[in-house]
């Protein structure tokens, strides 16, 4: 059985990221999904120090930026896996996993099944 992850919803919290910063972070990550995304890039995008960004991000989402980014990548991977004829290796690379075995482990941990089983389930 495939587990579903709930997308992280933005909730404005005192001391957290603003709605605008949250939107910038999501848009940046979406555009640069296949690339390596660094904390420095995200904090600079919001005009915050690394420490301020990290603190505000965690307060807003309840996750570290790294944990959120993996989840974000996996959510996008699910969308791509529903496209007929797609390869798991291609999806893995498209969402920024440079090692397919890392993608497979992360996917299995998040959804309880391997990407190949999800691919068959989505078809």
PDB file of N, CA and C in Angstrom:
ATOM      1  N   UNK A   1       0.835  -1.178   0.000  1.00  0.00           N
ATOM      2  CA  UNK A   1       0.000   0.000   0.000  1.00  0.00           C
ATOM      3  C   UNK A   1       0.884   1.247   0.000  1.00  0.00           C
ATOM      4  N   UNK A   2       0.563   2.194  -0.833  1.00  0.00           N
ATOM      5  CA  UNK A   2       1.325   3.426  -0.975  1.00  0.00           C
ATOM      6  C   UNK A   2       0.853   4.433   0.073  1.00  0.00           C
ATOM      7  N   UNK A   3       1.803   4.939   0.871  1.00  0.00           N
ATOM      8  CA  UNK A   3       1.486   5.996   1.834  1.00  0.00           C
ATOM      9  C   UNK A   3       1.459   7.319   1.098  1.00  0.00           C
ATOM     10  N   UNK A   4       0.629   8.214   1.560  1.00  0.00           N
ATOM     11  CA  UNK A   4       0.557   9.561   0.997  1.00  0.00           C
ATOM     12  C   UNK A   4       1.217  10.536   1.958  1.00  0.00           C
ATOM     13  N   UNK A   5       2.020  11.441   1.438  1.00  0.00           N
ATOM     14  CA  UNK A   5       2.585  12.524   2.234  1.00  0.00           C
ATOM     15  C   UNK A   5       1.724  13.748   2.037  1.00  0.00           C
ATOM     16  N   UNK A   6       1.466  14.437   3.101  1.00  0.00           N
ATOM     17  CA  UNK A   6       0.723  15.688   2.986  1.00  0.00           C
ATOM     18  C   UNK A   6       1.715  16.798   2.640  1.00  0.00           C
ATOM     19  N   UNK A   7       1.427  17.599   1.623  1.00  0.00           N
ATOM     20  CA  UNK A   7       2.328  18.709   1.304  1.00  0.00           C
ATOM     21  C   UNK A   7       2.427  19.656   2.486  1.00  0.00           C
ATOM     22  N   UNK A   8       3.592  20.253   2.656  1.00  0.00           N
ATOM     23  CA  UNK A   8       3.792  21.216   3.730  1.00  0.00           C
ATOM     24  C   UNK A   8       3.042  22.484   3.343  1.00  0.00           C
ATOM     25  N   UNK A   9       2.124  22.881   4.168  1.00  0.00           N
ATOM     26  CA  UNK A   9       1.320  24.086   3.922  1.00  0.00           C
ATOM     27  C   UNK A   9       1.962  25.267   4.635  1.00  0.00           C
ATOM     28  N   UNK A  10       1.893  26.423   4.007  1.00  0.00           N
ATOM     29  CA  UNK A  10       2.422  27.629   4.626  1.00  0.00           C
ATOM     30  C   UNK A  10       1.433  28.147   5.651  1.00  0.00           C
ATOM     31  N   UNK A  11       1.944  28.440   6.828  1.00  0.00           N
ATOM     32  CA  UNK A  11       1.176  29.102   7.862  1.00  0.00           C
ATOM     33  C   UNK A  11       2.053  30.213   8.401  1.00  0.00           C
ATOM     34  N   UNK A  12       1.566  31.421   8.331  1.00  0.00           N
ATOM     35  CA  UNK A  12       2.377  32.538   8.827  1.00  0.00           C
ATOM     36  C   UNK A  12       2.453  32.445  10.343  1.00  0.00           C
ATOM     37  N   UNK A  13       3.666  32.378  10.846  1.00  0.00           N
ATOM     38  CA  UNK A  13       3.940  32.241  12.266  1.00  0.00           C
ATOM     39  C   UNK A  13       4.887  33.358  12.669  1.00  0.00           C
ATOM     40  N   UNK A  14       4.635  33.943  13.802  1.00  0.00           N
ATOM     41  CA  UNK A  14       5.523  34.995  14.293  1.00  0.00           C
ATOM     42  C   UNK A  14       6.933  34.426  14.416  1.00  0.00           C
ATOM     43  N   UNK A  15       7.881  35.108  13.816  1.00  0.00           N
ATOM     44  CA  UNK A  15       9.260  34.640  13.831  1.00  0.00           C
ATOM     45  C   UNK A  15       9.576  33.656  12.718  1.00  0.00           C
ATOM     46  N   UNK A  16       8.598  33.394  11.848  1.00  0.00           N
ATOM     47  CA  UNK A  16       8.816  32.477  10.733  1.00  0.00           C
ATOM     48  C   UNK A  16       9.057  33.251   9.447  1.00  0.00           C
ATOM     49  N   UNK A  17       9.023  32.550   8.334  1.00  0.00           N
ATOM     50  CA  UNK A  17       9.177  33.195   7.028  1.00  0.00           C
ATOM     51  C   UNK A  17       7.899  33.940   6.668  1.00  0.00           C
ATOM     52  N   UNK A  18       8.062  35.012   5.932  1.00  0.00           N
ATOM     53  CA  UNK A  18       6.888  35.728   5.433  1.00  0.00           C
ATOM     54  C   UNK A  18       6.300  34.935   4.270  1.00  0.00           C
ATOM     55  N   UNK A  19       5.065  35.258   3.924  1.00  0.00           N
ATOM     56  CA  UNK A  19       4.402  34.611   2.780  1.00  0.00           C
ATOM     57  C   UNK A  19       5.240  34.801   1.512  1.00  0.00           C
ATOM     58  N   UNK A  20       5.765  36.004   1.335  1.00  0.00           N
ATOM     59  CA  UNK A  20       6.567  36.307   0.142  1.00  0.00           C
ATOM     60  C   UNK A  20       7.847  35.473   0.123  1.00  0.00           C
ATOM     61  N   UNK A  21       8.536  35.366   1.251  1.00  0.00           N
ATOM     62  CA  UNK A  21       9.763  34.565   1.307  1.00  0.00           C
ATOM     63  C   UNK A  21       9.465  33.096   1.027  1.00  0.00           C
ATOM     64  N   UNK A  22       8.382  32.592   1.602  1.00  0.00           N
ATOM     65  CA  UNK A  22       7.994  31.200   1.377  1.00  0.00           C
ATOM     66  C   UNK A  22       7.738  30.947  -0.106  1.00  0.00           C
ATOM     67  N   UNK A  23       7.048  31.884  -0.740  1.00  0.00           N
ATOM     68  CA  UNK A  23       6.750  31.752  -2.165  1.00  0.00           C
ATOM     69  C   UNK A  23       8.044  31.779  -2.980  1.00  0.00           C
ATOM     70  N   UNK A  24       8.954  32.670  -2.655  1.00  0.00           N
ATOM     71  CA  UNK A  24      10.233  32.748  -3.367  1.00  0.00           C
ATOM     72  C   UNK A  24      11.005  31.445  -3.238  1.00  0.00           C
ATOM     73  N   UNK A  25      11.041  30.888  -2.027  1.00  0.00           N
ATOM     74  CA  UNK A  25      11.772  29.640  -1.793  1.00  0.00           C
ATOM     75  C   UNK A  25      11.166  28.516  -2.637  1.00  0.00           C
ATOM     76  N   UNK A  26       9.853  28.380  -2.615  1.00  0.00           N
ATOM     77  CA  UNK A  26       9.199  27.323  -3.394  1.00  0.00           C
ATOM     78  C   UNK A  26       9.431  27.495  -4.895  1.00  0.00           C
ATOM     79  N   UNK A  27       9.287  28.715  -5.387  1.00  0.00           N
ATOM     80  CA  UNK A  27       9.486  28.960  -6.814  1.00  0.00           C
ATOM     81  C   UNK A  27      10.933  28.683  -7.217  1.00  0.00           C
ATOM     82  N   UNK A  28      11.880  29.129  -6.398  1.00  0.00           N
ATOM     83  CA  UNK A  28      13.292  28.903  -6.698  1.00  0.00           C
ATOM     84  C   UNK A  28      13.584  27.402  -6.752  1.00  0.00           C
ATOM     85  N   UNK A  29      13.094  26.671  -5.761  1.00  0.00           N
ATOM     86  CA  UNK A  29      13.348  25.228  -5.703  1.00  0.00           C
ATOM     87  C   UNK A  29      12.686  24.514  -6.869  1.00  0.00           C
ATOM     88  N   UNK A  30      11.515  24.960  -7.258  1.00  0.00           N
ATOM     89  CA  UNK A  30      10.822  24.345  -8.387  1.00  0.00           C
ATOM     90  C   UNK A  30      11.615  24.537  -9.687  1.00  0.00           C
ATOM     91  N   UNK A  31      12.115  25.733  -9.893  1.00  0.00           N
ATOM     92  CA  UNK A  31      12.870  26.046 -11.116  1.00  0.00           C
ATOM     93  C   UNK A  31      14.224  25.337 -11.132  1.00  0.00           C
ATOM     94  N   UNK A  32      14.853  25.219  -9.972  1.00  0.00           N
ATOM     95  CA  UNK A  32      16.212  24.656  -9.887  1.00  0.00           C
ATOM     96  C   UNK A  32      16.223  23.241  -9.312  1.00  0.00           C
ATOM     97  N   UNK A  33      15.109  22.543  -9.431  1.00  0.00           N
ATOM     98  CA  UNK A  33      14.933  21.246  -8.791  1.00  0.00           C
ATOM     99  C   UNK A  33      16.006  20.230  -9.164  1.00  0.00           C
ATOM    100  N   UNK A  34      16.442  20.220 -10.397  1.00  0.00           N
ATOM    101  CA  UNK A  34      17.421  19.220 -10.829  1.00  0.00           C
ATOM    102  C   UNK A  34      18.849  19.589 -10.430  1.00  0.00           C
ATOM    103  N   UNK A  35      19.019  20.771  -9.855  1.00  0.00           N
ATOM    104  CA  UNK A  35      20.348  21.248  -9.468  1.00  0.00           C
ATOM    105  C   UNK A  35      20.572  21.080  -7.971  1.00  0.00           C
ATOM    106  N   UNK A  36      21.807  21.269  -7.564  1.00  0.00           N
ATOM    107  CA  UNK A  36      22.125  21.268  -6.139  1.00  0.00           C
ATOM    108  C   UNK A  36      21.665  22.607  -5.571  1.00  0.00           C
ATOM    109  N   UNK A  37      20.834  22.575  -4.560  1.00  0.00           N
ATOM    110  CA  UNK A  37      20.306  23.788  -3.942  1.00  0.00           C
ATOM    111  C   UNK A  37      20.930  23.898  -2.557  1.00  0.00           C
ATOM    112  N   UNK A  38      21.564  25.031  -2.301  1.00  0.00           N
ATOM    113  CA  UNK A  38      22.286  25.224  -1.045  1.00  0.00           C
ATOM    114  C   UNK A  38      21.543  26.186  -0.128  1.00  0.00           C
ATOM    115  N   UNK A  39      21.763  25.995   1.145  1.00  0.00           N
ATOM    116  CA  UNK A  39      21.173  26.854   2.170  1.00  0.00           C
ATOM    117  C   UNK A  39      21.538  28.310   1.928  1.00  0.00           C
ATOM    118  N   UNK A  40      22.770  28.558   1.503  1.00  0.00           N
ATOM    119  CA  UNK A  40      23.230  29.926   1.240  1.00  0.00           C
ATOM    120  C   UNK A  40      22.393  30.597   0.153  1.00  0.00           C
ATOM    121  N   UNK A  41      22.023  29.824  -0.867  1.00  0.00           N
ATOM    122  CA  UNK A  41      21.219  30.373  -1.957  1.00  0.00           C
ATOM    123  C   UNK A  41      19.828  30.765  -1.457  1.00  0.00           C
ATOM    124  N   UNK A  42      19.228  29.910  -0.650  1.00  0.00           N
ATOM    125  CA  UNK A  42      17.887  30.183  -0.149  1.00  0.00           C
ATOM    126  C   UNK A  42      17.882  31.342   0.837  1.00  0.00           C
ATOM    127  N   UNK A  43      18.876  31.392   1.698  1.00  0.00           N
ATOM    128  CA  UNK A  43      18.924  32.488   2.668  1.00  0.00           C
ATOM    129  C   UNK A  43      19.180  33.816   1.963  1.00  0.00           C
ATOM    130  N   UNK A  44      20.042  33.826   0.949  1.00  0.00           N
ATOM    131  CA  UNK A  44      20.314  35.054   0.185  1.00  0.00           C
ATOM    132  C   UNK A  44      19.060  35.513  -0.556  1.00  0.00           C
ATOM    133  N   UNK A  45      18.296  34.569  -1.061  1.00  0.00           N
ATOM    134  CA  UNK A  45      17.048  34.872  -1.757  1.00  0.00           C
ATOM    135  C   UNK A  45      16.108  35.678  -0.861  1.00  0.00           C
ATOM    136  N   UNK A  46      16.121  35.358   0.421  1.00  0.00           N
ATOM    137  CA  UNK A  46      15.241  36.028   1.386  1.00  0.00           C
ATOM    138  C   UNK A  46      15.923  37.198   2.089  1.00  0.00           C
ATOM    139  N   UNK A  47      17.200  37.431   1.780  1.00  0.00           N
ATOM    140  CA  UNK A  47      17.921  38.526   2.422  1.00  0.00           C
ATOM    141  C   UNK A  47      18.176  38.274   3.899  1.00  0.00           C
ATOM    142  N   UNK A  48      18.360  37.006   4.250  1.00  0.00           N
ATOM    143  CA  UNK A  48      18.589  36.628   5.643  1.00  0.00           C
ATOM    144  C   UNK A  48      19.931  35.927   5.771  1.00  0.00           C
ATOM    145  N   UNK A  49      20.486  35.941   6.970  1.00  0.00           N
ATOM    146  CA  UNK A  49      21.698  35.157   7.216  1.00  0.00           C
ATOM    147  C   UNK A  49      21.306  33.685   7.209  1.00  0.00           C
ATOM    148  N   UNK A  50      22.285  32.819   7.081  1.00  0.00           N
ATOM    149  CA  UNK A  50      22.006  31.372   7.101  1.00  0.00           C
ATOM    150  C   UNK A  50      21.276  30.983   8.380  1.00  0.00           C
ATOM    151  N   UNK A  51      21.767  31.496   9.495  1.00  0.00           N
ATOM    152  CA  UNK A  51      21.172  31.154  10.788  1.00  0.00           C
ATOM    153  C   UNK A  51      19.737  31.654  10.889  1.00  0.00           C
ATOM    154  N   UNK A  52      19.499  32.904  10.485  1.00  0.00           N
ATOM    155  CA  UNK A  52      18.136  33.454  10.539  1.00  0.00           C
ATOM    156  C   UNK A  52      17.196  32.648   9.637  1.00  0.00           C
ATOM    157  N   UNK A  53      17.667  32.358   8.429  1.00  0.00           N
ATOM    158  CA  UNK A  53      16.833  31.604   7.494  1.00  0.00           C
ATOM    159  C   UNK A  53      16.494  30.230   8.057  1.00  0.00           C
ATOM    160  N   UNK A  54      17.513  29.534   8.550  1.00  0.00           N
ATOM    161  CA  UNK A  54      17.309  28.200   9.103  1.00  0.00           C
ATOM    162  C   UNK A  54      16.296  28.235  10.245  1.00  0.00           C
ATOM    163  N   UNK A  55      16.442  29.173  11.158  1.00  0.00           N
ATOM    164  CA  UNK A  55      15.538  29.292  12.302  1.00  0.00           C
ATOM    165  C   UNK A  55      14.107  29.596  11.840  1.00  0.00           C
ATOM    166  N   UNK A  56      13.974  30.549  10.919  1.00  0.00           N
ATOM    167  CA  UNK A  56      12.637  30.925  10.445  1.00  0.00           C
ATOM    168  C   UNK A  56      11.992  29.817   9.617  1.00  0.00           C
ATOM    169  N   UNK A  57      12.802  29.149   8.814  1.00  0.00           N
ATOM    170  CA  UNK A  57      12.279  28.058   7.985  1.00  0.00           C
ATOM    171  C   UNK A  57      11.741  26.937   8.867  1.00  0.00           C
ATOM    172  N   UNK A  58      12.533  26.528   9.849  1.00  0.00           N
ATOM    173  CA  UNK A  58      12.108  25.453  10.745  1.00  0.00           C
ATOM    174  C   UNK A  58      10.871  25.849  11.538  1.00  0.00           C
ATOM    175  N   UNK A  59      10.807  27.099  11.932  1.00  0.00           N
ATOM    176  CA  UNK A  59       9.638  27.573  12.675  1.00  0.00           C
ATOM    177  C   UNK A  59       8.385  27.530  11.780  1.00  0.00           C
ATOM    178  N   UNK A  60       8.551  27.856  10.513  1.00  0.00           N
ATOM    179  CA  UNK A  60       7.431  27.888   9.569  1.00  0.00           C
ATOM    180  C   UNK A  60       6.955  26.485   9.194  1.00  0.00           C
ATOM    181  N   UNK A  61       7.887  25.585   8.897  1.00  0.00           N
ATOM    182  CA  UNK A  61       7.524  24.275   8.343  1.00  0.00           C
ATOM    183  C   UNK A  61       7.592  23.118   9.336  1.00  0.00           C
ATOM    184  N   UNK A  62       8.359  23.292  10.391  1.00  0.00           N
ATOM    185  CA  UNK A  62       8.588  22.179  11.315  1.00  0.00           C
ATOM    186  C   UNK A  62       9.632  21.208  10.793  1.00  0.00           C
ATOM    187  N   UNK A  63      10.266  21.569   9.681  1.00  0.00           N
ATOM    188  CA  UNK A  63      11.303  20.739   9.063  1.00  0.00           C
ATOM    189  C   UNK A  63      12.545  21.574   8.804  1.00  0.00           C
ATOM    190  N   UNK A  64      13.684  20.915   8.711  1.00  0.00           N
ATOM    191  CA  UNK A  64      14.878  21.617   8.250  1.00  0.00           C
ATOM    192  C   UNK A  64      14.726  21.867   6.750  1.00  0.00           C
ATOM    193  N   UNK A  65      15.438  22.846   6.200  1.00  0.00           N
ATOM    194  CA  UNK A  65      15.365  23.042   4.749  1.00  0.00           C
ATOM    195  C   UNK A  65      15.751  21.784   3.973  1.00  0.00           C
ATOM    196  N   UNK A  66      16.733  21.048   4.460  1.00  0.00           N
ATOM    197  CA  UNK A  66      17.164  19.825   3.774  1.00  0.00           C
ATOM    198  C   UNK A  66      16.033  18.788   3.759  1.00  0.00           C
ATOM    199  N   UNK A  67      15.408  18.554   4.902  1.00  0.00           N
ATOM    200  CA  UNK A  67      14.314  17.583   4.981  1.00  0.00           C
ATOM    201  C   UNK A  67      13.139  18.020   4.107  1.00  0.00           C
ATOM    202  N   UNK A  68      12.827  19.311   4.133  1.00  0.00           N
ATOM    203  CA  UNK A  68      11.734  19.819   3.302  1.00  0.00           C
ATOM    204  C   UNK A  68      12.058  19.654   1.824  1.00  0.00           C
ATOM    205  N   UNK A  69      13.312  19.946   1.443  1.00  0.00           N
ATOM    206  CA  UNK A  69      13.695  19.854   0.036  1.00  0.00           C
ATOM    207  C   UNK A  69      13.599  18.414  -0.466  1.00  0.00           C
ATOM    208  N   UNK A  70      13.986  17.456   0.350  1.00  0.00           N
ATOM    209  CA  UNK A  70      13.846  16.054  -0.052  1.00  0.00           C
ATOM    210  C   UNK A  70      12.368  15.728  -0.262  1.00  0.00           C
ATOM    211  N   UNK A  71      11.540  16.176   0.645  1.00  0.00           N
ATOM    212  CA  UNK A  71      10.103  15.945   0.514  1.00  0.00           C
ATOM    213  C   UNK A  71       9.537  16.610  -0.735  1.00  0.00           C
ATOM    214  N   UNK A  72       9.972  17.841  -0.988  1.00  0.00           N
ATOM    215  CA  UNK A  72       9.545  18.587  -2.164  1.00  0.00           C
ATOM    216  C   UNK A  72       9.950  17.839  -3.437  1.00  0.00           C
ATOM    217  N   UNK A  73      11.182  17.341  -3.468  1.00  0.00           N
ATOM    218  CA  UNK A  73      11.672  16.579  -4.616  1.00  0.00           C
ATOM    219  C   UNK A  73      10.854  15.300  -4.814  1.00  0.00           C
ATOM    220  N   UNK A  74      10.523  14.628  -3.717  1.00  0.00           N
ATOM    221  CA  UNK A  74       9.748  13.389  -3.808  1.00  0.00           C
ATOM    222  C   UNK A  74       8.321  13.654  -4.274  1.00  0.00           C
ATOM    223  N   UNK A  75       7.729  14.764  -3.845  1.00  0.00           N
ATOM    224  CA  UNK A  75       6.390  15.128  -4.325  1.00  0.00           C
ATOM    225  C   UNK A  75       6.407  15.328  -5.837  1.00  0.00           C
ATOM    226  N   UNK A  76       7.425  16.019  -6.333  1.00  0.00           N
ATOM    227  CA  UNK A  76       7.552  16.235  -7.776  1.00  0.00           C
ATOM    228  C   UNK A  76       7.812  14.913  -8.492  1.00  0.00           C
ATOM    229  N   UNK A  77       8.586  14.034  -7.855  1.00  0.00           N
ATOM    230  CA  UNK A  77       8.871  12.727  -8.454  1.00  0.00           C
ATOM    231  C   UNK A  77       7.572  11.945  -8.660  1.00  0.00           C
ATOM    232  N   UNK A  78       6.667  12.013  -7.706  1.00  0.00           N
ATOM    233  CA  UNK A  78       5.374  11.314  -7.836  1.00  0.00           C
ATOM    234  C   UNK A  78       4.610  11.813  -9.056  1.00  0.00           C
ATOM    235  N   UNK A  79       4.640  13.113  -9.269  1.00  0.00           N
ATOM    236  CA  UNK A  79       3.964  13.668 -10.454  1.00  0.00           C
ATOM    237  C   UNK A  79       4.593  13.138 -11.736  1.00  0.00           C
ATOM    238  N   UNK A  80       5.913  13.111 -11.763  1.00  0.00           N
ATOM    239  CA  UNK A  80       6.619  12.638 -12.963  1.00  0.00           C
ATOM    240  C   UNK A  80       6.423  11.142 -13.181  1.00  0.00           C
ATOM    241  N   UNK A  81       6.345  10.376 -12.089  1.00  0.00           N
ATOM    242  CA  UNK A  81       6.174   8.927 -12.221  1.00  0.00           C
ATOM    243  C   UNK A  81       4.803   8.558 -12.780  1.00  0.00           C
ATOM    244  N   UNK A  82       3.875   9.490 -12.757  1.00  0.00           N
ATOM    245  CA  UNK A  82       2.551   9.205 -13.305  1.00  0.00           C
ATOM    246  C   UNK A  82       2.489   9.436 -14.816  1.00  0.00           C
ATOM    247  N   UNK A  83       3.581   9.934 -15.406  1.00  0.00           N
ATOM    248  CA  UNK A  83       3.644  10.158 -16.848  1.00  0.00           C
ATOM    249  C   UNK A  83       4.011   8.835 -17.532  1.00  0.00           C
ATOM    250  N   UNK A  84       3.215   8.376 -18.483  1.00  0.00           N
ATOM    251  CA  UNK A  84       3.507   7.096 -19.157  1.00  0.00           C
ATOM    252  C   UNK A  84       4.877   7.113 -19.845  1.00  0.00           C
ATOM    253  N   UNK A  85       5.581   5.997 -19.726  1.00  0.00           N
ATOM    254  CA  UNK A  85       6.851   5.820 -20.412  1.00  0.00           C
ATOM    255  C   UNK A  85       8.048   6.469 -19.743  1.00  0.00           C
ATOM    256  N   UNK A  86       7.858   7.018 -18.569  1.00  0.00           N
ATOM    257  CA  UNK A  86       8.956   7.684 -17.877  1.00  0.00           C
ATOM    258  C   UNK A  86       9.877   6.647 -17.232  1.00  0.00           C
ATOM    259  N   UNK A  87      11.168   6.965 -17.163  1.00  0.00           N
ATOM    260  CA  UNK A  87      12.098   6.046 -16.504  1.00  0.00           C
ATOM    261  C   UNK A  87      12.384   6.544 -15.087  1.00  0.00           C
ATOM    262  N   UNK A  88      12.607   5.607 -14.200  1.00  0.00           N
ATOM    263  CA  UNK A  88      12.906   5.966 -12.814  1.00  0.00           C
ATOM    264  C   UNK A  88      14.224   6.724 -12.744  1.00  0.00           C
ATOM    265  N   UNK A  89      15.188   6.312 -13.536  1.00  0.00           N
ATOM    266  CA  UNK A  89      16.480   7.015 -13.556  1.00  0.00           C
ATOM    267  C   UNK A  89      16.293   8.458 -14.016  1.00  0.00           C
ATOM    268  N   UNK A  90      15.459   8.663 -15.029  1.00  0.00           N
ATOM    269  CA  UNK A  90      15.189  10.013 -15.523  1.00  0.00           C
ATOM    270  C   UNK A  90      14.491  10.875 -14.491  1.00  0.00           C
ATOM    271  N   UNK A  91      13.528  10.290 -13.789  1.00  0.00           N
ATOM    272  CA  UNK A  91      12.817  11.023 -12.738  1.00  0.00           C
ATOM    273  C   UNK A  91      13.781  11.375 -11.620  1.00  0.00           C
ATOM    274  N   UNK A  92      14.579  10.411 -11.214  1.00  0.00           N
ATOM    275  CA  UNK A  92      15.557  10.630 -10.150  1.00  0.00           C
ATOM    276  C   UNK A  92      16.454  11.821 -10.453  1.00  0.00           C
ATOM    277  N   UNK A  93      16.949  11.874 -11.654  1.00  0.00           N
ATOM    278  CA  UNK A  93      17.828  12.963 -12.067  1.00  0.00           C
ATOM    279  C   UNK A  93      17.063  14.278 -12.202  1.00  0.00           C
ATOM    280  N   UNK A  94      15.851  14.228 -12.721  1.00  0.00           N
ATOM    281  CA  UNK A  94      15.052  15.437 -12.941  1.00  0.00           C
ATOM    282  C   UNK A  94      14.695  16.141 -11.639  1.00  0.00           C
ATOM    283  N   UNK A  95      14.563  15.385 -10.570  1.00  0.00           N
ATOM    284  CA  UNK A  95      14.198  15.993  -9.289  1.00  0.00           C
ATOM    285  C   UNK A  95      15.397  16.213  -8.374  1.00  0.00           C
ATOM    286  N   UNK A  96      16.600  16.029  -8.902  1.00  0.00           N
ATOM    287  CA  UNK A  96      17.790  16.425  -8.166  1.00  0.00           C
ATOM    288  C   UNK A  96      18.487  15.368  -7.349  1.00  0.00           C
ATOM    289  N   UNK A  97      18.142  14.098  -7.542  1.00  0.00           N
ATOM    290  CA  UNK A  97      18.884  13.033  -6.880  1.00  0.00           C
ATOM    291  C   UNK A  97      19.968  12.581  -7.853  1.00  0.00           C
ATOM    292  N   UNK A  98      21.212  12.736  -7.477  1.00  0.00           N
ATOM    293  CA  UNK A  98      22.313  12.389  -8.383  1.00  0.00           C
ATOM    294  C   UNK A  98      22.659  10.910  -8.318  1.00  0.00           C
ATOM    295  N   UNK A  99      22.110  10.222  -7.331  1.00  0.00           N
ATOM    296  CA  UNK A  99      22.362   8.802  -7.142  1.00  0.00           C
ATOM    297  C   UNK A  99      21.003   8.105  -7.072  1.00  0.00           C
ATOM    298  N   UNK A 100      20.720   7.217  -8.013  1.00  0.00           N
ATOM    299  CA  UNK A 100      19.408   6.577  -8.062  1.00  0.00           C
ATOM    300  C   UNK A 100      19.144   5.725  -6.824  1.00  0.00           C
ATOM    301  N   UNK A 101      20.172   5.143  -6.243  1.00  0.00           N
ATOM    302  CA  UNK A 101      19.944   4.333  -5.038  1.00  0.00           C
ATOM    303  C   UNK A 101      19.504   5.216  -3.868  1.00  0.00           C
ATOM    304  N   UNK A 102      20.030   6.432  -3.789  1.00  0.00           N
ATOM    305  CA  UNK A 102      19.587   7.377  -2.756  1.00  0.00           C
ATOM    306  C   UNK A 102      18.124   7.754  -2.989  1.00  0.00           C
ATOM    307  N   UNK A 103      17.766   7.970  -4.232  1.00  0.00           N
ATOM    308  CA  UNK A 103      16.378   8.266  -4.584  1.00  0.00           C
ATOM    309  C   UNK A 103      15.464   7.108  -4.182  1.00  0.00           C
ATOM    310  N   UNK A 104      15.872   5.881  -4.531  1.00  0.00           N
ATOM    311  CA  UNK A 104      15.070   4.709  -4.201  1.00  0.00           C
ATOM    312  C   UNK A 104      14.859   4.579  -2.692  1.00  0.00           C
ATOM    313  N   UNK A 105      15.940   4.779  -1.900  1.00  0.00           N
ATOM    314  CA  UNK A 105      15.830   4.678  -0.442  1.00  0.00           C
ATOM    315  C   UNK A 105      14.915   5.767   0.117  1.00  0.00           C
ATOM    316  N   UNK A 106      15.099   7.004  -0.335  1.00  0.00           N
ATOM    317  CA  UNK A 106      14.285   8.118   0.149  1.00  0.00           C
ATOM    318  C   UNK A 106      12.817   7.908  -0.212  1.00  0.00           C
ATOM    319  N   UNK A 107      12.573   7.431  -1.420  1.00  0.00           N
ATOM    320  CA  UNK A 107      11.206   7.202  -1.884  1.00  0.00           C
ATOM    321  C   UNK A 107      10.542   6.107  -1.056  1.00  0.00           C
ATOM    322  N   UNK A 108      11.254   5.019  -0.851  1.00  0.00           N
ATOM    323  CA  UNK A 108      10.713   3.899  -0.075  1.00  0.00           C
ATOM    324  C   UNK A 108      10.431   4.332   1.360  1.00  0.00           C
ATOM    325  N   UNK A 109      11.327   5.106   1.932  1.00  0.00           N
ATOM    326  CA  UNK A 109      11.139   5.577   3.304  1.00  0.00           C
ATOM    327  C   UNK A 109       9.906   6.485   3.404  1.00  0.00           C
ATOM    328  N   UNK A 110       9.712   7.340   2.417  1.00  0.00           N
ATOM    329  CA  UNK A 110       8.599   8.286   2.445  1.00  0.00           C
ATOM    330  C   UNK A 110       7.259   7.635   2.131  1.00  0.00           C
ATOM    331  N   UNK A 111       7.231   6.744   1.138  1.00  0.00           N
ATOM    332  CA  UNK A 111       5.967   6.210   0.634  1.00  0.00           C
ATOM    333  C   UNK A 111       5.718   4.733   0.949  1.00  0.00           C
ATOM    334  N   UNK A 112       6.714   4.062   1.487  1.00  0.00           N
ATOM    335  CA  UNK A 112       6.522   2.668   1.856  1.00  0.00           C
ATOM    336  C   UNK A 112       6.643   1.684   0.713  1.00  0.00           C
ATOM    337  N   UNK A 113       6.928   2.178  -0.483  1.00  0.00           N
ATOM    338  CA  UNK A 113       7.120   1.319  -1.658  1.00  0.00           C
ATOM    339  C   UNK A 113       8.279   1.867  -2.490  1.00  0.00           C
ATOM    340  N   UNK A 114       8.821   1.023  -3.330  1.00  0.00           N
ATOM    341  CA  UNK A 114       9.876   1.451  -4.244  1.00  0.00           C
ATOM    342  C   UNK A 114       9.260   2.296  -5.358  1.00  0.00           C
ATOM    343  N   UNK A 115      10.040   3.157  -5.997  1.00  0.00           N
ATOM    344  CA  UNK A 115       9.498   3.929  -7.124  1.00  0.00           C
ATOM    345  C   UNK A 115       8.894   3.061  -8.211  1.00  0.00           C
ATOM    346  N   UNK A 116       9.469   1.888  -8.443  1.00  0.00           N
ATOM    347  CA  UNK A 116       8.929   0.991  -9.479  1.00  0.00           C
ATOM    348  C   UNK A 116       7.519   0.528  -9.118  1.00  0.00           C
ATOM    349  N   UNK A 117       7.261   0.264  -7.851  1.00  0.00           N
ATOM    350  CA  UNK A 117       5.923  -0.155  -7.411  1.00  0.00           C
ATOM    351  C   UNK A 117       4.954   1.021  -7.536  1.00  0.00           C
ATOM    352  N   UNK A 118       5.435   2.218  -7.223  1.00  0.00           N
ATOM    353  CA  UNK A 118       4.595   3.416  -7.366  1.00  0.00           C
ATOM    354  C   UNK A 118       4.273   3.646  -8.842  1.00  0.00           C
ATOM    355  N   UNK A 119       5.272   3.454  -9.686  1.00  0.00           N
ATOM    356  CA  UNK A 119       5.114   3.617 -11.126  1.00  0.00           C
ATOM    357  C   UNK A 119       4.028   2.668 -11.626  1.00  0.00           C
ATOM    358  N   UNK A 120       4.046   1.428 -11.176  1.00  0.00           N
ATOM    359  CA  UNK A 120       3.031   0.453 -11.578  1.00  0.00           C
ATOM    360  C   UNK A 120       1.673   0.809 -10.992  1.00  0.00           C
ATOM    361  N   UNK A 121       1.665   1.360  -9.787  1.00  0.00           N
ATOM    362  CA  UNK A 121       0.422   1.753  -9.129  1.00  0.00           C
ATOM    363  C   UNK A 121      -0.208   2.974  -9.835  1.00  0.00           C
ATOM    364  N   UNK A 122       0.661   3.903 -10.261  1.00  0.00           N
ATOM    365  CA  UNK A 122       0.184   5.148 -10.907  1.00  0.00           C
ATOM    366  C   UNK A 122      -0.319   4.879 -12.327  1.00  0.00           C
ATOM    367  N   UNK A 123       0.198   3.835 -12.968  1.00  0.00           N
ATOM    368  CA  UNK A 123      -0.183   3.555 -14.365  1.00  0.00           C
ATOM    369  C   UNK A 123      -1.588   3.034 -14.503  1.00  0.00           C
TER     370      UNK A 123
END
